[in-house]
Amino acid sequence: MFADQMIGHKLMTKQTGAAGRLCNAVYICERKFARREFYLAILMDRQSQAPVIIASSQGGMDIETVAKESPDAIITTNIDIHKGVTDDIARNIATNLGFSEQCIEDAKDTIQKL
């Protein structure tokens, strides 16, 4: 029903700008009801020419708004391209995001698999 209204039409967001982008596909998945949402992205930092992980416990929101209104809620972690995301780095990110002690190892594993 919604897919018909999206496919073949322009999608306009902050990222696409006013020009928008043509929607060719819609992914449908089972709806889950999360107790909490987190934001985590792996980006290439132009200055260091290395990957960086950007994370926030304020997921489910527009990350640009979080960065503007609560810059301290954004966790930035530089990644050594030769070592990758080590256990210590992933565990530290999970801890800083506020995962409970019993969930830190699962969160660490998930972060490393990204």
PDB file of N, CA and C in Angstrom:
ATOM      1  N   MET A   1       0.826  -1.170   0.000  1.00  0.00           N
ATOM      2  CA  MET A   1       0.000   0.000   0.000  1.00  0.00           C
ATOM      3  C   MET A   1       0.880   1.247   0.000  1.00  0.00           C
ATOM      4  N   PHE A   2       1.786   1.398   0.982  1.00  0.00           N
ATOM      5  CA  PHE A   2       2.677   2.554   1.014  1.00  0.00           C
ATOM      6  C   PHE A   2       3.743   2.455  -0.060  1.00  0.00           C
ATOM      7  N   ALA A   3       4.172   1.220  -0.363  1.00  0.00           N
ATOM      8  CA  ALA A   3       5.211   1.023  -1.373  1.00  0.00           C
ATOM      9  C   ALA A   3       4.763   1.589  -2.716  1.00  0.00           C
ATOM     10  N   ASP A   4       3.501   1.409  -3.068  1.00  0.00           N
ATOM     11  CA  ASP A   4       2.974   1.942  -4.329  1.00  0.00           C
ATOM     12  C   ASP A   4       3.070   3.464  -4.378  1.00  0.00           C
ATOM     13  N   GLN A   5       2.939   4.088  -3.227  1.00  0.00           N
ATOM     14  CA  GLN A   5       3.001   5.549  -3.163  1.00  0.00           C
ATOM     15  C   GLN A   5       4.444   6.063  -3.181  1.00  0.00           C
ATOM     16  N   MET A   6       5.412   5.166  -2.951  1.00  0.00           N
ATOM     17  CA  MET A   6       6.813   5.576  -2.876  1.00  0.00           C
ATOM     18  C   MET A   6       7.596   5.259  -4.144  1.00  0.00           C
ATOM     19  N   ILE A   7       7.442   4.044  -4.663  1.00  0.00           N
ATOM     20  CA  ILE A   7       8.217   3.613  -5.822  1.00  0.00           C
ATOM     21  C   ILE A   7       7.861   4.462  -7.039  1.00  0.00           C
ATOM     22  N   GLY A   8       8.922   4.953  -7.690  1.00  0.00           N
ATOM     23  CA  GLY A   8       8.732   5.783  -8.873  1.00  0.00           C
ATOM     24  C   GLY A   8       8.550   7.260  -8.553  1.00  0.00           C
ATOM     25  N   HIS A   9       8.540   7.614  -7.280  1.00  0.00           N
ATOM     26  CA  HIS A   9       8.403   9.008  -6.868  1.00  0.00           C
ATOM     27  C   HIS A   9       9.702   9.489  -6.231  1.00  0.00           C
ATOM     28  N   LYS A  10       9.851  10.803  -6.158  1.00  0.00           N
ATOM     29  CA  LYS A  10      11.057  11.357  -5.551  1.00  0.00           C
ATOM     30  C   LYS A  10      10.942  11.358  -4.038  1.00  0.00           C
ATOM     31  N   LEU A  11      12.032  10.934  -3.399  1.00  0.00           N
ATOM     32  CA  LEU A  11      12.155  10.955  -1.952  1.00  0.00           C
ATOM     33  C   LEU A  11      12.991  12.179  -1.609  1.00  0.00           C
ATOM     34  N   MET A  12      12.451  13.057  -0.784  1.00  0.00           N
ATOM     35  CA  MET A  12      13.175  14.270  -0.407  1.00  0.00           C
ATOM     36  C   MET A  12      13.436  14.266   1.096  1.00  0.00           C
ATOM     37  N   THR A  13      14.716  14.339   1.450  1.00  0.00           N
ATOM     38  CA  THR A  13      15.138  14.364   2.846  1.00  0.00           C
ATOM     39  C   THR A  13      16.209  15.445   3.002  1.00  0.00           C
ATOM     40  N   LYS A  14      16.706  15.618   4.225  1.00  0.00           N
ATOM     41  CA  LYS A  14      17.806  16.557   4.429  1.00  0.00           C
ATOM     42  C   LYS A  14      19.033  16.131   3.634  1.00  0.00           C
ATOM     43  N   GLN A  15      19.219  14.821   3.496  1.00  0.00           N
ATOM     44  CA  GLN A  15      20.393  14.329   2.789  1.00  0.00           C
ATOM     45  C   GLN A  15      20.293  14.524   1.277  1.00  0.00           C
ATOM     46  N   THR A  16      19.090  14.397   0.707  1.00  0.00           N
ATOM     47  CA  THR A  16      18.940  14.514  -0.743  1.00  0.00           C
ATOM     48  C   THR A  16      18.783  15.963  -1.187  1.00  0.00           C
ATOM     49  N   GLY A  17      18.326  16.832  -0.280  1.00  0.00           N
ATOM     50  CA  GLY A  17      18.072  18.215  -0.660  1.00  0.00           C
ATOM     51  C   GLY A  17      16.790  18.330  -1.455  1.00  0.00           C
ATOM     52  N   ALA A  18      16.557  19.506  -1.986  1.00  0.00           N
ATOM     53  CA  ALA A  18      15.305  19.786  -2.706  1.00  0.00           C
ATOM     54  C   ALA A  18      15.173  18.974  -3.988  1.00  0.00           C
ATOM     55  N   ALA A  19      16.300  18.573  -4.567  1.00  0.00           N
ATOM     56  CA  ALA A  19      16.249  17.800  -5.813  1.00  0.00           C
ATOM     57  C   ALA A  19      15.648  16.422  -5.590  1.00  0.00           C
ATOM     58  N   GLY A  20      15.802  15.897  -4.387  1.00  0.00           N
ATOM     59  CA  GLY A  20      15.262  14.575  -4.084  1.00  0.00           C
ATOM     60  C   GLY A  20      16.015  13.473  -4.793  1.00  0.00           C
ATOM     61  N   ARG A  21      15.520  12.265  -4.588  1.00  0.00           N
ATOM     62  CA  ARG A  21      16.111  11.090  -5.221  1.00  0.00           C
ATOM     63  C   ARG A  21      14.995  10.114  -5.557  1.00  0.00           C
ATOM     64  N   LEU A  22      15.052   9.546  -6.736  1.00  0.00           N
ATOM     65  CA  LEU A  22      14.015   8.630  -7.197  1.00  0.00           C
ATOM     66  C   LEU A  22      14.043   7.349  -6.373  1.00  0.00           C
ATOM     67  N   CYS A  23      12.896   6.927  -5.880  1.00  0.00           N
ATOM     68  CA  CYS A  23      12.774   5.695  -5.089  1.00  0.00           C
ATOM     69  C   CYS A  23      12.535   4.530  -6.046  1.00  0.00           C
ATOM     70  N   ASN A  24      13.473   3.557  -6.058  1.00  0.00           N
ATOM     71  CA  ASN A  24      13.329   2.387  -6.941  1.00  0.00           C
ATOM     72  C   ASN A  24      12.894   1.140  -6.199  1.00  0.00           C
ATOM     73  N   ALA A  25      13.091   1.139  -4.871  1.00  0.00           N
ATOM     74  CA  ALA A  25      12.786  -0.066  -4.102  1.00  0.00           C
ATOM     75  C   ALA A  25      12.406   0.317  -2.680  1.00  0.00           C
ATOM     76  N   VAL A  26      11.606  -0.535  -2.075  1.00  0.00           N
ATOM     77  CA  VAL A  26      11.214  -0.373  -0.679  1.00  0.00           C
ATOM     78  C   VAL A  26      11.474  -1.704   0.003  1.00  0.00           C
ATOM     79  N   TYR A  27      12.178  -1.658   1.109  1.00  0.00           N
ATOM     80  CA  TYR A  27      12.465  -2.875   1.869  1.00  0.00           C
ATOM     81  C   TYR A  27      11.419  -3.031   2.957  1.00  0.00           C
ATOM     82  N   ILE A  28      10.862  -4.214   3.041  1.00  0.00           N
ATOM     83  CA  ILE A  28       9.823  -4.497   4.029  1.00  0.00           C
ATOM     84  C   ILE A  28      10.371  -5.539   5.001  1.00  0.00           C
ATOM     85  N   CYS A  29      10.213  -5.276   6.280  1.00  0.00           N
ATOM     86  CA  CYS A  29      10.685  -6.217   7.291  1.00  0.00           C
ATOM     87  C   CYS A  29       9.693  -6.274   8.444  1.00  0.00           C
ATOM     88  N   GLU A  30       9.865  -7.268   9.257  1.00  0.00           N
ATOM     89  CA  GLU A  30       8.999  -7.439  10.412  1.00  0.00           C
ATOM     90  C   GLU A  30       9.222  -6.288  11.394  1.00  0.00           C
ATOM     91  N   ARG A  31       8.153  -5.758  11.921  1.00  0.00           N
ATOM     92  CA  ARG A  31       8.249  -4.652  12.873  1.00  0.00           C
ATOM     93  C   ARG A  31       8.638  -5.189  14.251  1.00  0.00           C
ATOM     94  N   LYS A  32       9.621  -4.550  14.823  1.00  0.00           N
ATOM     95  CA  LYS A  32      10.061  -4.894  16.178  1.00  0.00           C
ATOM     96  C   LYS A  32       9.826  -3.687  17.066  1.00  0.00           C
ATOM     97  N   PHE A  33       9.527  -3.932  18.309  1.00  0.00           N
ATOM     98  CA  PHE A  33       9.306  -2.856  19.259  1.00  0.00           C
ATOM     99  C   PHE A  33      10.504  -2.789  20.199  1.00  0.00           C
ATOM    100  N   ALA A  34      11.395  -1.883  19.895  1.00  0.00           N
ATOM    101  CA  ALA A  34      12.617  -1.739  20.684  1.00  0.00           C
ATOM    102  C   ALA A  34      12.343  -0.936  21.950  1.00  0.00           C
ATOM    103  N   ARG A  35      12.986  -1.352  23.018  1.00  0.00           N
ATOM    104  CA  ARG A  35      12.883  -0.591  24.262  1.00  0.00           C
ATOM    105  C   ARG A  35      13.714   0.676  24.174  1.00  0.00           C
ATOM    106  N   ARG A  36      14.852   0.555  23.516  1.00  0.00           N
ATOM    107  CA  ARG A  36      15.743   1.700  23.315  1.00  0.00           C
ATOM    108  C   ARG A  36      16.295   1.641  21.902  1.00  0.00           C
ATOM    109  N   GLU A  37      16.646   2.793  21.379  1.00  0.00           N
ATOM    110  CA  GLU A  37      17.268   2.853  20.066  1.00  0.00           C
ATOM    111  C   GLU A  37      18.606   3.558  20.192  1.00  0.00           C
ATOM    112  N   PHE A  38      19.568   3.106  19.402  1.00  0.00           N
ATOM    113  CA  PHE A  38      20.899   3.681  19.390  1.00  0.00           C
ATOM    114  C   PHE A  38      21.243   4.063  17.965  1.00  0.00           C
ATOM    115  N   TYR A  39      22.176   4.971  17.826  1.00  0.00           N
ATOM    116  CA  TYR A  39      22.682   5.359  16.511  1.00  0.00           C
ATOM    117  C   TYR A  39      24.136   4.928  16.445  1.00  0.00           C
ATOM    118  N   LEU A  40      24.528   4.271  15.356  1.00  0.00           N
ATOM    119  CA  LEU A  40      25.914   3.881  15.158  1.00  0.00           C
ATOM    120  C   LEU A  40      26.207   3.891  13.665  1.00  0.00           C
ATOM    121  N   ALA A  41      27.254   4.598  13.287  1.00  0.00           N
ATOM    122  CA  ALA A  41      27.645   4.661  11.878  1.00  0.00           C
ATOM    123  C   ALA A  41      29.158   4.534  11.782  1.00  0.00           C
ATOM    124  N   ILE A  42      29.611   3.904  10.714  1.00  0.00           N
ATOM    125  CA  ILE A  42      31.040   3.822  10.433  1.00  0.00           C
ATOM    126  C   ILE A  42      31.271   4.674   9.187  1.00  0.00           C
ATOM    127  N   LEU A  43      32.102   5.692   9.355  1.00  0.00           N
ATOM    128  CA  LEU A  43      32.357   6.646   8.276  1.00  0.00           C
ATOM    129  C   LEU A  43      33.849   6.723   8.000  1.00  0.00           C
ATOM    130  N   MET A  44      34.193   7.261   6.862  1.00  0.00           N
ATOM    131  CA  MET A  44      35.599   7.512   6.548  1.00  0.00           C
ATOM    132  C   MET A  44      35.879   8.977   6.865  1.00  0.00           C
ATOM    133  N   ASP A  45      36.825   9.202   7.771  1.00  0.00           N
ATOM    134  CA  ASP A  45      37.210  10.550   8.159  1.00  0.00           C
ATOM    135  C   ASP A  45      38.212  11.074   7.135  1.00  0.00           C
ATOM    136  N   ARG A  46      37.872  12.158   6.481  1.00  0.00           N
ATOM    137  CA  ARG A  46      38.734  12.700   5.428  1.00  0.00           C
ATOM    138  C   ARG A  46      40.063  13.205   5.977  1.00  0.00           C
ATOM    139  N   GLN A  47      40.015  13.809   7.160  1.00  0.00           N
ATOM    140  CA  GLN A  47      41.234  14.386   7.723  1.00  0.00           C
ATOM    141  C   GLN A  47      42.274  13.312   8.059  1.00  0.00           C
ATOM    142  N   SER A  48      41.832  12.260   8.746  1.00  0.00           N
ATOM    143  CA  SER A  48      42.776  11.208   9.149  1.00  0.00           C
ATOM    144  C   SER A  48      42.912  10.103   8.104  1.00  0.00           C
ATOM    145  N   GLN A  49      42.027  10.106   7.104  1.00  0.00           N
ATOM    146  CA  GLN A  49      42.013   9.059   6.075  1.00  0.00           C
ATOM    147  C   GLN A  49      41.860   7.675   6.690  1.00  0.00           C
ATOM    148  N   ALA A  50      41.036   7.603   7.740  1.00  0.00           N
ATOM    149  CA  ALA A  50      40.804   6.340   8.442  1.00  0.00           C
ATOM    150  C   ALA A  50      39.339   6.273   8.875  1.00  0.00           C
ATOM    151  N   PRO A  51      38.851   5.072   9.164  1.00  0.00           N
ATOM    152  CA  PRO A  51      37.466   4.947   9.619  1.00  0.00           C
ATOM    153  C   PRO A  51      37.260   5.563  10.998  1.00  0.00           C
ATOM    154  N   VAL A  52      36.052   5.999  11.233  1.00  0.00           N
ATOM    155  CA  VAL A  52      35.654   6.533  12.529  1.00  0.00           C
ATOM    156  C   VAL A  52      34.247   6.003  12.821  1.00  0.00           C
ATOM    157  N   ILE A  53      33.999   5.640  14.076  1.00  0.00           N
ATOM    158  CA  ILE A  53      32.661   5.208  14.479  1.00  0.00           C
ATOM    159  C   ILE A  53      32.004   6.373  15.188  1.00  0.00           C
ATOM    160  N   ILE A  54      30.819   6.722  14.736  1.00  0.00           N
ATOM    161  CA  ILE A  54      30.003   7.758  15.362  1.00  0.00           C
ATOM    162  C   ILE A  54      28.850   7.023  16.034  1.00  0.00           C
ATOM    163  N   ALA A  55      28.650   7.263  17.332  1.00  0.00           N
ATOM    164  CA  ALA A  55      27.605   6.556  18.074  1.00  0.00           C
ATOM    165  C   ALA A  55      26.878   7.521  18.999  1.00  0.00           C
ATOM    166  N   SER A  56      25.623   7.183  19.293  1.00  0.00           N
ATOM    167  CA  SER A  56      24.840   7.969  20.238  1.00  0.00           C
ATOM    168  C   SER A  56      23.767   7.088  20.865  1.00  0.00           C
ATOM    169  N   SER A  57      23.522   7.345  22.144  1.00  0.00           N
ATOM    170  CA  SER A  57      22.439   6.631  22.827  1.00  0.00           C
ATOM    171  C   SER A  57      21.088   7.246  22.481  1.00  0.00           C
ATOM    172  N   GLN A  58      21.095   8.323  21.732  1.00  0.00           N
ATOM    173  CA  GLN A  58      19.861   9.002  21.340  1.00  0.00           C
ATOM    174  C   GLN A  58      19.465   8.615  19.919  1.00  0.00           C
ATOM    175  N   GLY A  59      19.350   7.303  19.696  1.00  0.00           N
ATOM    176  CA  GLY A  59      18.910   6.808  18.400  1.00  0.00           C
ATOM    177  C   GLY A  59      17.426   7.061  18.212  1.00  0.00           C
ATOM    178  N   GLY A  60      16.954   6.831  17.003  1.00  0.00           N
ATOM    179  CA  GLY A  60      15.547   7.064  16.710  1.00  0.00           C
ATOM    180  C   GLY A  60      15.250   8.524  16.439  1.00  0.00           C
ATOM    181  N   MET A  61      16.303   9.337  16.423  1.00  0.00           N
ATOM    182  CA  MET A  61      16.163  10.768  16.153  1.00  0.00           C
ATOM    183  C   MET A  61      17.054  11.117  14.971  1.00  0.00           C
ATOM    184  N   ASP A  62      16.855  12.278  14.445  1.00  0.00           N
ATOM    185  CA  ASP A  62      17.702  12.805  13.398  1.00  0.00           C
ATOM    186  C   ASP A  62      19.064  13.118  14.013  1.00  0.00           C
ATOM    187  N   ILE A  63      20.114  12.420  13.588  1.00  0.00           N
ATOM    188  CA  ILE A  63      21.433  12.559  14.212  1.00  0.00           C
ATOM    189  C   ILE A  63      21.975  13.972  14.062  1.00  0.00           C
ATOM    190  N   GLU A  64      21.614  14.662  12.993  1.00  0.00           N
ATOM    191  CA  GLU A  64      22.059  16.046  12.827  1.00  0.00           C
ATOM    192  C   GLU A  64      21.471  16.940  13.916  1.00  0.00           C
ATOM    193  N   THR A  65      20.229  16.666  14.305  1.00  0.00           N
ATOM    194  CA  THR A  65      19.595  17.426  15.382  1.00  0.00           C
ATOM    195  C   THR A  65      20.266  17.125  16.714  1.00  0.00           C
ATOM    196  N   VAL A  66      20.576  15.859  16.949  1.00  0.00           N
ATOM    197  CA  VAL A  66      21.275  15.471  18.182  1.00  0.00           C
ATOM    198  C   VAL A  66      22.614  16.192  18.249  1.00  0.00           C
ATOM    199  N   ALA A  67      23.353  16.195  17.147  1.00  0.00           N
ATOM    200  CA  ALA A  67      24.672  16.839  17.120  1.00  0.00           C
ATOM    201  C   ALA A  67      24.565  18.334  17.396  1.00  0.00           C
ATOM    202  N   LYS A  68      23.514  18.947  16.907  1.00  0.00           N
ATOM    203  CA  LYS A  68      23.333  20.395  17.099  1.00  0.00           C
ATOM    204  C   LYS A  68      22.875  20.725  18.517  1.00  0.00           C
ATOM    205  N   GLU A  69      21.900  19.962  19.024  1.00  0.00           N
ATOM    206  CA  GLU A  69      21.298  20.280  20.323  1.00  0.00           C
ATOM    207  C   GLU A  69      22.045  19.665  21.507  1.00  0.00           C
ATOM    208  N   SER A  70      22.659  18.507  21.310  1.00  0.00           N
ATOM    209  CA  SER A  70      23.371  17.813  22.402  1.00  0.00           C
ATOM    210  C   SER A  70      24.670  17.210  21.881  1.00  0.00           C
ATOM    211  N   PRO A  71      25.639  18.038  21.511  1.00  0.00           N
ATOM    212  CA  PRO A  71      26.869  17.500  20.924  1.00  0.00           C
ATOM    213  C   PRO A  71      27.595  16.519  21.836  1.00  0.00           C
ATOM    214  N   ASP A  72      27.416  16.643  23.142  1.00  0.00           N
ATOM    215  CA  ASP A  72      28.067  15.713  24.070  1.00  0.00           C
ATOM    216  C   ASP A  72      27.437  14.322  24.028  1.00  0.00           C
ATOM    217  N   ALA A  73      26.297  14.180  23.368  1.00  0.00           N
ATOM    218  CA  ALA A  73      25.639  12.875  23.242  1.00  0.00           C
ATOM    219  C   ALA A  73      26.218  12.064  22.081  1.00  0.00           C
ATOM    220  N   ILE A  74      27.133  12.665  21.326  1.00  0.00           N
ATOM    221  CA  ILE A  74      27.759  11.985  20.199  1.00  0.00           C
ATOM    222  C   ILE A  74      29.124  11.455  20.641  1.00  0.00           C
ATOM    223  N   ILE A  75      29.349  10.161  20.412  1.00  0.00           N
ATOM    224  CA  ILE A  75      30.617   9.513  20.742  1.00  0.00           C
ATOM    225  C   ILE A  75      31.356   9.276  19.423  1.00  0.00           C
ATOM    226  N   THR A  76      32.574   9.781  19.324  1.00  0.00           N
ATOM    227  CA  THR A  76      33.380   9.600  18.119  1.00  0.00           C
ATOM    228  C   THR A  76      34.610   8.783  18.473  1.00  0.00           C
ATOM    229  N   THR A  77      34.818   7.694  17.753  1.00  0.00           N
ATOM    230  CA  THR A  77      35.943   6.802  18.023  1.00  0.00           C
ATOM    231  C   THR A  77      36.722   6.560  16.740  1.00  0.00           C
ATOM    232  N   ASN A  78      37.985   6.963  16.729  1.00  0.00           N
ATOM    233  CA  ASN A  78      38.851   6.708  15.579  1.00  0.00           C
ATOM    234  C   ASN A  78      39.279   5.250  15.581  1.00  0.00           C
ATOM    235  N   ILE A  79      39.353   4.667  14.395  1.00  0.00           N
ATOM    236  CA  ILE A  79      39.707   3.259  14.248  1.00  0.00           C
ATOM    237  C   ILE A  79      41.017   3.138  13.475  1.00  0.00           C
ATOM    238  N   ASP A  80      41.974   2.420  14.038  1.00  0.00           N
ATOM    239  CA  ASP A  80      43.230   2.131  13.353  1.00  0.00           C
ATOM    240  C   ASP A  80      42.916   1.111  12.264  1.00  0.00           C
ATOM    241  N   ILE A  81      43.165   1.474  11.033  1.00  0.00           N
ATOM    242  CA  ILE A  81      42.796   0.625   9.897  1.00  0.00           C
ATOM    243  C   ILE A  81      43.538  -0.715   9.913  1.00  0.00           C
ATOM    244  N   HIS A  82      44.682  -0.764  10.578  1.00  0.00           N
ATOM    245  CA  HIS A  82      45.457  -2.007  10.638  1.00  0.00           C
ATOM    246  C   HIS A  82      44.989  -2.938  11.754  1.00  0.00           C
ATOM    247  N   LYS A  83      44.363  -2.366  12.804  1.00  0.00           N
ATOM    248  CA  LYS A  83      43.899  -3.173  13.943  1.00  0.00           C
ATOM    249  C   LYS A  83      42.398  -3.447  13.883  1.00  0.00           C
ATOM    250  N   GLY A  84      41.644  -2.560  13.256  1.00  0.00           N
ATOM    251  CA  GLY A  84      40.201  -2.716  13.190  1.00  0.00           C
ATOM    252  C   GLY A  84      39.543  -2.385  14.524  1.00  0.00           C
ATOM    253  N   VAL A  85      38.314  -2.840  14.680  1.00  0.00           N
ATOM    254  CA  VAL A  85      37.548  -2.582  15.912  1.00  0.00           C
ATOM    255  C   VAL A  85      37.904  -3.682  16.908  1.00  0.00           C
ATOM    256  N   THR A  86      38.792  -3.359  17.819  1.00  0.00           N
ATOM    257  CA  THR A  86      39.254  -4.331  18.817  1.00  0.00           C
ATOM    258  C   THR A  86      38.176  -4.575  19.869  1.00  0.00           C
ATOM    259  N   ASP A  87      38.373  -5.614  20.671  1.00  0.00           N
ATOM    260  CA  ASP A  87      37.441  -5.894  21.768  1.00  0.00           C
ATOM    261  C   ASP A  87      37.318  -4.686  22.692  1.00  0.00           C
ATOM    262  N   ASP A  88      38.460  -4.076  23.032  1.00  0.00           N
ATOM    263  CA  ASP A  88      38.443  -2.932  23.944  1.00  0.00           C
ATOM    264  C   ASP A  88      37.674  -1.744  23.371  1.00  0.00           C
ATOM    265  N   ILE A  89      37.881  -1.462  22.085  1.00  0.00           N
ATOM    266  CA  ILE A  89      37.176  -0.344  21.451  1.00  0.00           C
ATOM    267  C   ILE A  89      35.677  -0.609  21.448  1.00  0.00           C
ATOM    268  N   ALA A  90      35.271  -1.789  21.008  1.00  0.00           N
ATOM    269  CA  ALA A  90      33.842  -2.114  20.922  1.00  0.00           C
ATOM    270  C   ALA A  90      33.193  -2.128  22.304  1.00  0.00           C
ATOM    271  N   ARG A  91      33.895  -2.677  23.277  1.00  0.00           N
ATOM    272  CA  ARG A  91      33.371  -2.722  24.655  1.00  0.00           C
ATOM    273  C   ARG A  91      33.224  -1.302  25.215  1.00  0.00           C
ATOM    274  N   ASN A  92      34.181  -0.440  24.928  1.00  0.00           N
ATOM    275  CA  ASN A  92      34.135   0.951  25.384  1.00  0.00           C
ATOM    276  C   ASN A  92      32.959   1.698  24.761  1.00  0.00           C
ATOM    277  N   ILE A  93      32.715   1.484  23.484  1.00  0.00           N
ATOM    278  CA  ILE A  93      31.571   2.118  22.821  1.00  0.00           C
ATOM    279  C   ILE A  93      30.280   1.632  23.460  1.00  0.00           C
ATOM    280  N   ALA A  94      30.142   0.327  23.654  1.00  0.00           N
ATOM    281  CA  ALA A  94      28.929  -0.240  24.263  1.00  0.00           C
ATOM    282  C   ALA A  94      28.707   0.328  25.663  1.00  0.00           C
ATOM    283  N   THR A  95      29.782   0.446  26.431  1.00  0.00           N
ATOM    284  CA  THR A  95      29.682   0.992  27.791  1.00  0.00           C
ATOM    285  C   THR A  95      29.256   2.454  27.748  1.00  0.00           C
ATOM    286  N   ASN A  96      29.883   3.244  26.864  1.00  0.00           N
ATOM    287  CA  ASN A  96      29.551   4.665  26.756  1.00  0.00           C
ATOM    288  C   ASN A  96      28.137   4.903  26.236  1.00  0.00           C
ATOM    289  N   LEU A  97      27.602   3.939  25.492  1.00  0.00           N
ATOM    290  CA  LEU A  97      26.220   4.055  25.017  1.00  0.00           C
ATOM    291  C   LEU A  97      25.216   3.732  26.119  1.00  0.00           C
ATOM    292  N   GLY A  98      25.703   3.149  27.204  1.00  0.00           N
ATOM    293  CA  GLY A  98      24.825   2.876  28.336  1.00  0.00           C
ATOM    294  C   GLY A  98      24.238   1.487  28.375  1.00  0.00           C
ATOM    295  N   PHE A  99      24.837   0.542  27.647  1.00  0.00           N
ATOM    296  CA  PHE A  99      24.345  -0.831  27.720  1.00  0.00           C
ATOM    297  C   PHE A  99      24.573  -1.374  29.125  1.00  0.00           C
ATOM    298  N   SER A 100      23.651  -2.184  29.597  1.00  0.00           N
ATOM    299  CA  SER A 100      23.791  -2.790  30.926  1.00  0.00           C
ATOM    300  C   SER A 100      24.929  -3.809  30.890  1.00  0.00           C
ATOM    301  N   GLU A 101      25.441  -4.137  32.072  1.00  0.00           N
ATOM    302  CA  GLU A 101      26.565  -5.081  32.176  1.00  0.00           C
ATOM    303  C   GLU A 101      26.274  -6.396  31.457  1.00  0.00           C
ATOM    304  N   GLN A 102      25.040  -6.914  31.583  1.00  0.00           N
ATOM    305  CA  GLN A 102      24.730  -8.209  30.967  1.00  0.00           C
ATOM    306  C   GLN A 102      24.594  -8.120  29.444  1.00  0.00           C
ATOM    307  N   CYS A 103      24.491  -6.902  28.888  1.00  0.00           N
ATOM    308  CA  CYS A 103      24.339  -6.745  27.435  1.00  0.00           C
ATOM    309  C   CYS A 103      25.614  -6.271  26.738  1.00  0.00           C
ATOM    310  N   ILE A 104      26.619  -5.866  27.500  1.00  0.00           N
ATOM    311  CA  ILE A 104      27.819  -5.272  26.897  1.00  0.00           C
ATOM    312  C   ILE A 104      28.510  -6.226  25.935  1.00  0.00           C
ATOM    313  N   GLU A 105      28.657  -7.495  26.292  1.00  0.00           N
ATOM    314  CA  GLU A 105      29.361  -8.438  25.413  1.00  0.00           C
ATOM    315  C   GLU A 105      28.601  -8.648  24.101  1.00  0.00           C
ATOM    316  N   ASP A 106      27.266  -8.753  24.175  1.00  0.00           N
ATOM    317  CA  ASP A 106      26.475  -8.894  22.946  1.00  0.00           C
ATOM    318  C   ASP A 106      26.596  -7.637  22.085  1.00  0.00           C
ATOM    319  N   ALA A 107      26.543  -6.463  22.712  1.00  0.00           N
ATOM    320  CA  ALA A 107      26.685  -5.200  21.991  1.00  0.00           C
ATOM    321  C   ALA A 107      28.072  -5.112  21.354  1.00  0.00           C
ATOM    322  N   LYS A 108      29.103  -5.505  22.105  1.00  0.00           N
ATOM    323  CA  LYS A 108      30.476  -5.510  21.595  1.00  0.00           C
ATOM    324  C   LYS A 108      30.572  -6.379  20.339  1.00  0.00           C
ATOM    325  N   ASP A 109      30.010  -7.584  20.406  1.00  0.00           N
ATOM    326  CA  ASP A 109      30.046  -8.495  19.252  1.00  0.00           C
ATOM    327  C   ASP A 109      29.335  -7.889  18.053  1.00  0.00           C
ATOM    328  N   THR A 110      28.190  -7.273  18.277  1.00  0.00           N
ATOM    329  CA  THR A 110      27.426  -6.661  17.189  1.00  0.00           C
ATOM    330  C   THR A 110      28.213  -5.510  16.558  1.00  0.00           C
ATOM    331  N   ILE A 111      28.803  -4.676  17.384  1.00  0.00           N
ATOM    332  CA  ILE A 111      29.601  -3.543  16.875  1.00  0.00           C
ATOM    333  C   ILE A 111      30.760  -4.060  16.031  1.00  0.00           C
ATOM    334  N   GLN A 112      31.431  -5.107  16.480  1.00  0.00           N
ATOM    335  CA  GLN A 112      32.559  -5.655  15.731  1.00  0.00           C
ATOM    336  C   GLN A 112      32.132  -6.285  14.402  1.00  0.00           C
ATOM    337  N   LYS A 113      30.928  -6.808  14.335  1.00  0.00           N
ATOM    338  CA  LYS A 113      30.458  -7.455  13.108  1.00  0.00           C
ATOM    339  C   LYS A 113      30.022  -6.456  12.043  1.00  0.00           C
ATOM    340  N   LEU A 114      29.860  -5.195  12.449  1.00  0.00           N
ATOM    341  CA  LEU A 114      29.487  -4.172  11.471  1.00  0.00           C
ATOM    342  C   LEU A 114      30.643  -3.935  10.527  1.00  0.00           C
TER     343      LEU A 114
END
